[in-house]
C-alpha cells in the first residue's frame, strides 16, 4: 500500500469511528424520552 492510501484509510476510519463515538456520547448525555 502506498503512503497516500494508508493516510486516506486512517482518515476514513477516524471519521467513521469519531462519528460513532460522538453519537454515543450525545445519546448518553441526551437520552431519548420515548417509551
C-alpha atoms as a PDB file:
ATOM      1  CA  UNK A   1       0.000   0.000   0.000  1.00  0.00           C
ATOM      2  CA  UNK A   2       1.192   3.478  -0.772  1.00  0.00           C
ATOM      3  CA  UNK A   3       1.576   6.187   1.834  1.00  0.00           C
ATOM      4  CA  UNK A   4      -1.378   8.082   0.355  1.00  0.00           C
ATOM      5  CA  UNK A   5      -3.606   5.010   0.613  1.00  0.00           C
ATOM      6  CA  UNK A   6      -2.623   4.489   4.252  1.00  0.00           C
ATOM      7  CA  UNK A   7      -3.315   8.145   5.092  1.00  0.00           C
ATOM      8  CA  UNK A   8      -6.715   8.029   3.381  1.00  0.00           C
ATOM      9  CA  UNK A   9      -7.586   4.774   5.178  1.00  0.00           C
ATOM     10  CA  UNK A  10      -6.676   6.250   8.580  1.00  0.00           C
ATOM     11  CA  UNK A  11      -8.646   9.411   7.795  1.00  0.00           C
ATOM     12  CA  UNK A  12     -11.772   7.493   6.793  1.00  0.00           C
ATOM     13  CA  UNK A  13     -11.539   5.202   9.835  1.00  0.00           C
ATOM     14  CA  UNK A  14     -11.111   8.212  12.120  1.00  0.00           C
ATOM     15  CA  UNK A  15     -14.152   9.926  10.601  1.00  0.00           C
ATOM     16  CA  UNK A  16     -16.322   6.799  10.893  1.00  0.00           C
ATOM     17  CA  UNK A  17     -15.290   5.865  14.440  1.00  0.00           C
ATOM     18  CA  UNK A  18     -15.242   9.506  15.531  1.00  0.00           C
ATOM     19  CA  UNK A  19     -18.836   9.863  14.350  1.00  0.00           C
ATOM     20  CA  UNK A  20     -19.910   6.696  16.161  1.00  0.00           C
ATOM     21  CA  UNK A  21     -18.267   7.755  19.423  1.00  0.00           C
ATOM     22  CA  UNK A  22     -19.682  11.275  19.131  1.00  0.00           C
ATOM     23  CA  UNK A  23     -23.199   9.911  18.584  1.00  0.00           C
ATOM     24  CA  UNK A  24     -22.817   7.561  21.570  1.00  0.00           C
ATOM     25  CA  UNK A  25     -21.711  10.433  23.816  1.00  0.00           C
ATOM     26  CA  UNK A  26     -24.554  12.611  22.516  1.00  0.00           C
ATOM     27  CA  UNK A  27     -27.133   9.881  23.168  1.00  0.00           C
ATOM     28  CA  UNK A  28     -25.712   9.237  26.640  1.00  0.00           C
ATOM     29  CA  UNK A  29     -25.891  12.944  27.520  1.00  0.00           C
ATOM     30  CA  UNK A  30     -29.309  13.404  25.875  1.00  0.00           C
ATOM     31  CA  UNK A  31     -31.275  10.142  26.130  1.00  0.00           C
ATOM     32  CA  UNK A  32     -34.441   9.919  24.076  1.00  0.00           C
ATOM     33  CA  UNK A  33     -37.538  10.113  26.270  1.00  0.00           C
ATOM     34  CA  UNK A  34     -39.573   7.628  24.235  1.00  0.00           C
ATOM     35  CA  UNK A  35     -41.484   4.763  25.813  1.00  0.00           C
END
